[in-house]
Amino acid sequence: MTRRLAILLLSAVVTACDRTSPPASEHLETAARAPLYQCSMHPQIVRHEPGNCPICGMPLRLVDEASTEAPRVPGHAAFTLTAERQQLIGVTEGTVEMRPLSREIRAAATVADDPGLYEAWIGYREALRTRGVLRSGELHEAVTGGDALVRAAALKLRRQGVGEREIAALGELDPTTLILPGPRVWIYAQVFEEDATLLRPGMPLTVEVPSDPGRTLTSTVLAIDPTVSSESRTVRVRALVATPEAGLRPGTFVIATIQVPLGERLAIPRAALLDAGTRRLAFVVTDGTHFDPREVTVGRTAGDWIEVLDGVAVGERVVTSANFLIDSESRLKAAVAAFGAPGHAH
């Protein structure tokens, strides 16, 4: 009888415990809601209780609840930051806007010393003269041959970057400007191939002469070579510059600056772009306190602005200073979210 009574009492206790104990899922939910403490220097160190970082020994700081939003950028999370803390770390903002952009291309250049082009130029003039003589005759073959000579001479000029418009103007120019000082000289600038795609004949060009400080000459781009140098990966750009005093010797080193208008483009301040190696980021600010990491696709750089092809929209506000601190905070929040995710090993 006593043994039977003991068994009944034990069964009652077990039943009562089963009714009052929460399920395992509730234990997990409670753990996820528990305060989280994280190392500022090592964001992978996250604990549910205060203490010191096992790597650097710094006290773990209490962090806000992790964001439940799906991250736009892997390894980064959106978060909020009070106005007081923004002021403390020096956060400033800029605006995404449509604006006219222009780029300044500076290139090493020399005063031309180009006997090859001089010979091609003289050859073209001789071909024109010969064709004129042959056309005065009655033989069709002679006229055809004269035309062929001119085409061949013009092809040599085009191979050296002298286009049809420049060929048409050669009759007014003195070819000796290619090999001797004179009232006009040719300037050859070496422009990197990625910049050469932006250039067009007629763009304004200025020339600085380091050997004569303060001296600046102005001209326009006359011709752009059709080929890229395999050694330097540059394209030769030509300009004809007036030098009334005939003081620039062939081979003189100069610096050419070309102004390139890019047109109206969507752009962000250059300081807003954070290069994270495999991706480029900008942090968009909403409601003054919410920071959202965005991966952006960028185009041309124009002074203090960068063209944006994708990732942000006109009128949005972006962080322009303290970007690395904002990036660190975003990474901290992402680490906290990963720490609290189901199946994560703590």
Protein backbone atom coordinates (compact mmCIF):
# COMPACT_ATOMS: atom_id res chain seq x y z
CA MET A 1 0.00 0.00 0.00
CA THR A 2 2.80 2.42 0.90
CA ARG A 3 4.67 1.63 -2.35
CA ARG A 4 1.53 2.18 -4.43
CA LEU A 5 0.92 5.55 -2.74
CA ALA A 6 4.50 6.65 -3.46
CA ILE A 7 4.12 5.79 -7.16
CA LEU A 8 0.89 7.81 -7.38
CA LEU A 9 2.52 10.84 -5.71
CA LEU A 10 5.53 10.69 -8.10
CA SER A 11 3.22 10.57 -11.15
CA ALA A 12 1.33 13.62 -9.91
CA VAL A 13 4.56 15.60 -9.49
CA VAL A 14 5.78 14.72 -13.02
CA THR A 15 2.43 15.73 -14.53
CA ALA A 16 2.49 19.07 -12.70
CA CYS A 17 6.03 19.78 -13.94
CA ASP A 18 5.03 19.01 -17.55
CA ARG A 19 2.14 21.49 -17.32
CA THR A 20 4.22 24.34 -15.86
CA SER A 21 7.50 23.97 -17.86
CA PRO A 22 7.59 26.07 -21.06
CA PRO A 23 8.41 24.30 -24.35
CA ALA A 24 11.94 24.38 -25.79
CA SER A 25 10.92 26.96 -28.40
CA GLU A 26 9.96 29.37 -25.62
CA HIS A 27 13.40 28.91 -24.05
CA LEU A 28 15.01 29.80 -27.40
CA GLU A 29 12.78 32.85 -27.79
CA THR A 30 13.66 34.04 -24.29
CA ALA A 31 17.38 33.62 -25.05
CA ALA A 32 17.00 35.62 -28.28
CA ARG A 33 15.36 38.46 -26.33
CA ALA A 34 18.09 38.48 -23.68
CA PRO A 35 20.49 41.45 -23.61
CA LEU A 36 23.49 41.09 -25.88
CA TYR A 37 27.01 42.28 -25.10
CA GLN A 38 29.62 42.76 -27.82
CA CYS A 39 33.27 43.77 -28.20
CA SER A 40 33.71 47.03 -30.11
CA MET A 41 37.06 45.86 -31.50
CA HIS A 42 36.06 42.27 -32.29
CA PRO A 43 32.39 42.22 -33.39
CA GLN A 44 32.39 38.41 -33.64
CA ILE A 45 32.56 38.26 -29.82
CA VAL A 46 28.92 38.39 -28.65
CA ARG A 47 27.66 37.20 -25.25
CA HIS A 48 24.38 37.18 -23.32
CA GLU A 49 26.12 38.39 -20.17
CA PRO A 50 28.52 41.26 -19.41
CA GLY A 51 32.23 40.65 -19.18
CA ASN A 52 35.49 41.25 -21.01
CA CYS A 53 36.54 40.35 -24.56
CA PRO A 54 38.63 37.15 -24.49
CA ILE A 55 40.82 38.57 -27.30
CA CYS A 56 41.64 42.13 -26.26
CA GLY A 57 40.30 42.25 -22.71
CA MET A 58 38.07 45.29 -23.34
CA PRO A 59 34.71 45.38 -21.52
CA LEU A 60 31.85 44.14 -23.67
CA ARG A 61 29.29 46.87 -24.35
CA LEU A 62 25.53 46.44 -24.32
CA VAL A 63 24.12 46.63 -27.83
CA ASP A 64 20.64 47.41 -29.07
CA GLU A 65 18.30 44.71 -30.23
CA ALA A 66 19.36 43.43 -33.64
CA SER A 67 17.34 44.56 -36.64
CA THR A 68 14.86 42.02 -38.02
CA GLU A 69 15.02 43.56 -41.51
CA ALA A 70 16.50 41.44 -44.28
CA PRO A 71 19.96 42.91 -44.96
CA ARG A 72 20.43 44.67 -48.30
CA VAL A 73 24.20 44.16 -48.13
CA PRO A 74 25.74 40.90 -46.81
CA GLY A 75 27.62 41.49 -43.57
CA HIS A 76 25.91 44.85 -42.96
CA ALA A 77 22.67 45.75 -41.20
CA ALA A 78 20.50 48.84 -40.94
CA PHE A 79 20.46 50.57 -37.55
CA THR A 80 19.49 53.73 -35.72
CA LEU A 81 21.78 56.29 -34.15
CA THR A 82 20.68 59.15 -31.93
CA ALA A 83 21.40 62.73 -32.97
CA GLU A 84 23.62 63.16 -29.91
CA ARG A 85 25.84 60.23 -30.85
CA GLN A 86 25.97 61.38 -34.50
CA GLN A 87 27.25 64.74 -33.32
CA LEU A 88 29.78 63.05 -31.07
CA ILE A 89 31.37 61.02 -33.90
CA GLY A 90 31.05 63.82 -36.48
CA VAL A 91 28.45 62.48 -38.91
CA THR A 92 27.61 64.82 -41.82
CA GLU A 93 25.27 64.29 -44.75
CA GLY A 94 24.97 65.14 -48.44
CA THR A 95 22.24 64.78 -51.03
CA VAL A 96 21.92 62.48 -54.04
CA GLU A 97 21.17 64.77 -56.97
CA MET A 98 21.10 65.21 -60.71
CA ARG A 99 23.79 67.70 -61.65
CA PRO A 100 26.02 68.64 -64.59
CA LEU A 101 29.37 66.92 -64.20
CA SER A 102 32.67 67.72 -65.85
CA ARG A 103 36.01 66.01 -65.62
CA GLU A 104 39.48 67.47 -65.80
CA ILE A 105 42.03 65.22 -67.50
CA ARG A 106 45.69 66.10 -66.90
CA ALA A 107 48.30 64.39 -69.02
CA ALA A 108 52.03 64.50 -69.61
CA ALA A 109 52.79 66.02 -73.00
CA THR A 110 55.65 67.15 -75.21
CA VAL A 111 56.21 69.63 -77.99
CA ALA A 112 56.17 67.48 -81.12
CA ASP A 113 59.35 66.24 -82.71
CA ASP A 114 57.74 63.98 -85.30
CA PRO A 115 59.69 63.44 -88.52
CA GLY A 116 57.47 60.45 -89.33
CA LEU A 117 54.33 62.57 -89.53
CA TYR A 118 56.30 65.29 -91.32
CA GLU A 119 57.22 62.82 -94.08
CA ALA A 120 53.63 61.53 -94.30
CA TRP A 121 52.39 65.10 -94.54
CA ILE A 122 54.85 65.98 -97.31
CA GLY A 123 53.92 62.72 -99.07
CA TYR A 124 50.25 63.68 -98.98
CA ARG A 125 50.99 67.09 -100.48
CA GLU A 126 53.06 65.49 -103.22
CA ALA A 127 50.24 63.03 -103.93
CA LEU A 128 47.81 65.93 -104.30
CA ARG A 129 50.20 67.71 -106.66
CA THR A 130 50.76 64.54 -108.70
CA ARG A 131 47.05 63.86 -109.00
CA GLY A 132 46.52 67.40 -110.29
CA VAL A 133 49.12 66.85 -113.00
CA LEU A 134 47.67 63.46 -113.98
CA ARG A 135 44.14 64.82 -114.19
CA SER A 136 45.26 67.33 -116.75
CA GLY A 137 45.92 64.42 -119.11
CA GLU A 138 43.41 62.38 -121.06
CA LEU A 139 44.27 58.90 -119.82
CA HIS A 140 41.65 57.42 -117.48
CA GLU A 141 44.26 55.13 -115.96
CA ALA A 142 46.41 58.14 -115.00
CA VAL A 143 43.48 59.82 -113.24
CA THR A 144 42.65 56.59 -111.39
CA GLY A 145 46.29 56.20 -110.39
CA GLY A 146 46.42 59.76 -109.06
CA ASP A 147 43.35 59.14 -106.91
CA ALA A 148 44.94 55.96 -105.55
CA LEU A 149 48.09 57.87 -104.58
CA VAL A 150 46.07 60.42 -102.62
CA ARG A 151 44.05 57.71 -100.84
CA ALA A 152 47.22 55.86 -99.83
CA ALA A 153 48.86 59.06 -98.53
CA ALA A 154 45.70 59.99 -96.61
CA LEU A 155 45.59 56.51 -95.06
CA LYS A 156 49.12 57.00 -93.70
CA LEU A 157 48.00 60.24 -92.08
CA ARG A 158 44.89 58.64 -90.59
CA ARG A 159 47.00 55.83 -89.15
CA GLN A 160 48.94 58.52 -87.28
CA GLY A 161 45.77 60.02 -85.84
CA VAL A 162 45.13 62.79 -88.37
CA GLY A 163 41.41 62.60 -89.21
CA GLU A 164 39.56 63.70 -92.32
CA ARG A 165 38.79 67.13 -90.89
CA GLU A 166 42.45 67.71 -90.09
CA ILE A 167 43.54 66.38 -93.49
CA ALA A 168 41.30 68.94 -95.16
CA ALA A 169 43.05 71.71 -93.18
CA LEU A 170 46.61 70.56 -93.89
CA GLY A 171 46.96 72.88 -96.86
CA GLU A 172 46.85 75.87 -94.48
CA LEU A 173 49.44 74.51 -92.05
CA ASP A 174 53.21 74.47 -92.20
CA PRO A 175 54.55 70.91 -91.76
CA THR A 176 57.86 72.20 -90.37
CA THR A 177 55.99 72.88 -87.09
CA LEU A 178 56.41 69.15 -86.49
CA ILE A 179 60.22 69.29 -86.37
CA LEU A 180 61.29 72.93 -85.71
CA PRO A 181 60.30 75.78 -83.36
CA GLY A 182 57.89 78.27 -84.87
CA PRO A 183 54.91 80.56 -84.26
CA ARG A 184 52.77 77.43 -83.88
CA VAL A 185 53.78 74.07 -82.45
CA TRP A 186 52.12 70.69 -82.12
CA ILE A 187 51.52 69.37 -78.60
CA TYR A 188 51.34 65.59 -78.10
CA ALA A 189 49.60 64.52 -74.88
CA GLN A 190 49.52 60.92 -73.64
CA VAL A 191 46.08 60.15 -72.21
CA PHE A 192 45.21 56.86 -70.50
CA GLU A 193 42.95 54.72 -72.66
CA GLU A 194 40.00 54.78 -70.21
CA ASP A 195 40.01 58.59 -70.39
CA ALA A 196 40.56 58.78 -74.14
CA THR A 197 37.05 57.44 -74.79
CA LEU A 198 35.69 60.72 -73.38
CA LEU A 199 37.65 62.99 -75.71
CA ARG A 200 36.43 64.65 -78.88
CA PRO A 201 38.09 67.12 -81.29
CA GLY A 202 37.34 70.71 -80.34
CA MET A 203 37.44 70.24 -76.56
CA PRO A 204 39.28 73.08 -74.75
CA LEU A 205 42.87 72.36 -73.77
CA THR A 206 45.41 74.32 -71.74
CA VAL A 207 49.16 73.79 -71.67
CA GLU A 208 51.47 74.51 -68.74
CA VAL A 209 55.23 74.83 -69.32
CA PRO A 210 57.16 73.70 -66.19
CA SER A 211 60.40 75.16 -67.56
CA ASP A 212 58.69 78.56 -67.72
CA PRO A 213 56.64 78.81 -64.47
CA GLY A 214 53.38 80.71 -64.76
CA ARG A 215 53.21 80.37 -68.52
CA THR A 216 49.92 78.91 -69.84
CA LEU A 217 48.89 78.38 -73.45
CA THR A 218 45.38 77.64 -74.70
CA SER A 219 44.13 75.60 -77.61
CA THR A 220 41.67 72.85 -78.51
CA VAL A 221 42.01 69.12 -79.17
CA LEU A 222 42.73 68.72 -82.87
CA ALA A 223 43.08 64.96 -83.29
CA ILE A 224 43.04 61.71 -81.30
CA ASP A 225 45.07 58.70 -82.40
CA PRO A 226 43.01 55.62 -83.33
CA THR A 227 45.47 53.21 -81.66
CA VAL A 228 46.57 52.51 -78.07
CA SER A 229 50.24 52.24 -77.13
CA SER A 230 50.90 48.66 -76.03
CA GLU A 231 53.75 49.82 -73.75
CA SER A 232 52.10 52.66 -71.84
CA ARG A 233 48.38 51.89 -72.48
CA THR A 234 47.89 55.51 -73.52
CA VAL A 235 46.39 57.26 -76.52
CA ARG A 236 48.14 60.21 -78.18
CA VAL A 237 46.12 63.43 -78.35
CA ARG A 238 47.26 66.30 -80.59
CA ALA A 239 46.73 70.04 -80.39
CA LEU A 240 48.14 72.95 -82.36
CA VAL A 241 49.22 75.78 -80.03
CA ALA A 242 50.10 79.34 -80.96
CA THR A 243 53.56 80.45 -79.73
CA PRO A 244 54.20 83.89 -81.28
CA GLU A 245 57.68 84.15 -79.78
CA ALA A 246 58.66 80.72 -81.22
CA GLY A 247 60.28 79.80 -77.92
CA LEU A 248 59.17 76.17 -77.48
CA ARG A 249 61.69 73.65 -78.76
CA PRO A 250 60.65 70.22 -80.06
CA GLY A 251 60.77 67.67 -77.22
CA THR A 252 60.00 70.21 -74.47
CA PHE A 253 58.02 68.64 -71.62
CA VAL A 254 54.65 70.29 -70.89
CA ILE A 255 51.43 69.42 -69.04
CA ALA A 256 48.13 69.34 -70.91
CA THR A 257 44.77 69.75 -69.19
CA ILE A 258 41.55 68.92 -71.05
CA GLN A 259 38.09 69.90 -69.78
CA VAL A 260 35.53 67.16 -70.51
CA PRO A 261 31.80 67.85 -69.97
CA LEU A 262 29.97 64.67 -68.90
CA GLY A 263 26.44 66.07 -69.03
CA GLU A 264 23.63 65.79 -66.47
CA ARG A 265 24.20 62.73 -64.26
CA LEU A 266 22.91 61.23 -61.01
CA ALA A 267 25.73 61.78 -58.51
CA ILE A 268 26.73 61.62 -54.84
CA PRO A 269 29.50 63.52 -53.06
CA ARG A 270 32.78 61.69 -53.44
CA ALA A 271 33.14 61.54 -49.65
CA ALA A 272 29.94 59.46 -49.42
CA LEU A 273 31.47 56.46 -51.19
CA LEU A 274 33.02 53.73 -49.07
CA ASP A 275 35.14 51.25 -51.00
CA ALA A 276 34.81 47.91 -49.24
CA GLY A 277 37.07 46.04 -51.65
CA THR A 278 34.65 43.70 -53.41
CA ARG A 279 31.81 46.23 -53.27
CA ARG A 280 31.18 49.98 -52.96
CA LEU A 281 28.82 51.24 -50.28
CA ALA A 282 26.92 54.36 -49.35
CA PHE A 283 24.86 54.82 -46.17
CA VAL A 284 21.44 56.37 -46.72
CA VAL A 285 19.96 58.34 -43.80
CA THR A 286 16.19 58.44 -43.26
CA ASP A 287 14.26 60.24 -40.52
CA GLY A 288 17.57 61.70 -39.35
CA THR A 289 18.50 58.64 -37.27
CA HIS A 290 18.05 55.51 -39.44
CA PHE A 291 21.12 54.36 -41.40
CA ASP A 292 20.66 51.96 -44.30
CA PRO A 293 23.70 50.43 -46.08
CA ARG A 294 23.39 50.38 -49.87
CA GLU A 295 25.60 48.74 -52.44
CA VAL A 296 26.05 51.20 -55.30
CA THR A 297 27.30 50.95 -58.87
CA VAL A 298 29.40 53.97 -59.80
CA GLY A 299 30.46 55.55 -63.08
CA ARG A 300 32.84 58.44 -63.73
CA THR A 301 34.54 60.51 -61.05
CA ALA A 302 34.21 64.27 -61.60
CA GLY A 303 36.07 66.33 -59.00
CA ASP A 304 34.21 66.10 -55.68
CA TRP A 305 31.34 64.11 -57.20
CA ILE A 306 30.89 60.55 -58.43
CA GLU A 307 28.33 59.38 -60.96
CA VAL A 308 25.99 56.69 -59.58
CA LEU A 309 24.40 54.15 -61.93
CA ASP A 310 22.42 52.17 -59.35
CA GLY A 311 21.74 51.87 -55.61
CA VAL A 312 20.39 55.29 -54.57
CA ALA A 313 17.73 57.71 -55.77
CA VAL A 314 17.45 61.47 -56.28
CA GLY A 315 16.83 63.36 -53.04
CA GLU A 316 18.09 60.70 -50.64
CA ARG A 317 20.53 61.76 -47.93
CA VAL A 318 23.88 59.98 -47.62
CA VAL A 319 26.64 59.99 -44.99
CA THR A 320 29.65 62.08 -46.07
CA SER A 321 31.89 61.84 -43.00
CA ALA A 322 32.57 59.29 -40.23
CA ASN A 323 31.81 56.62 -42.86
CA PHE A 324 34.18 54.09 -41.31
CA LEU A 325 32.55 54.44 -37.89
CA ILE A 326 29.10 54.08 -39.46
CA ASP A 327 30.35 51.05 -41.37
CA SER A 328 31.67 49.51 -38.14
CA GLU A 329 28.31 50.05 -36.43
CA SER A 330 26.53 48.40 -39.35
CA ARG A 331 28.85 45.41 -39.15
CA LEU A 332 28.30 45.17 -35.38
CA LYS A 333 24.55 45.03 -35.87
CA ALA A 334 24.92 42.37 -38.56
CA ALA A 335 27.08 40.27 -36.23
CA VAL A 336 24.51 40.61 -33.44
CA ALA A 337 21.76 39.52 -35.81
CA ALA A 338 23.80 36.48 -36.86
CA PHE A 339 24.50 35.67 -33.20
CA GLY A 340 20.80 35.56 -32.41
CA ALA A 341 19.82 33.62 -35.53
CA PRO A 342 18.41 30.09 -35.01
CA GLY A 343 21.06 27.42 -35.29
CA HIS A 344 23.95 29.81 -34.57
CA ALA A 345 26.58 28.34 -32.28
CA HIS A 346 27.19 30.71 -29.35
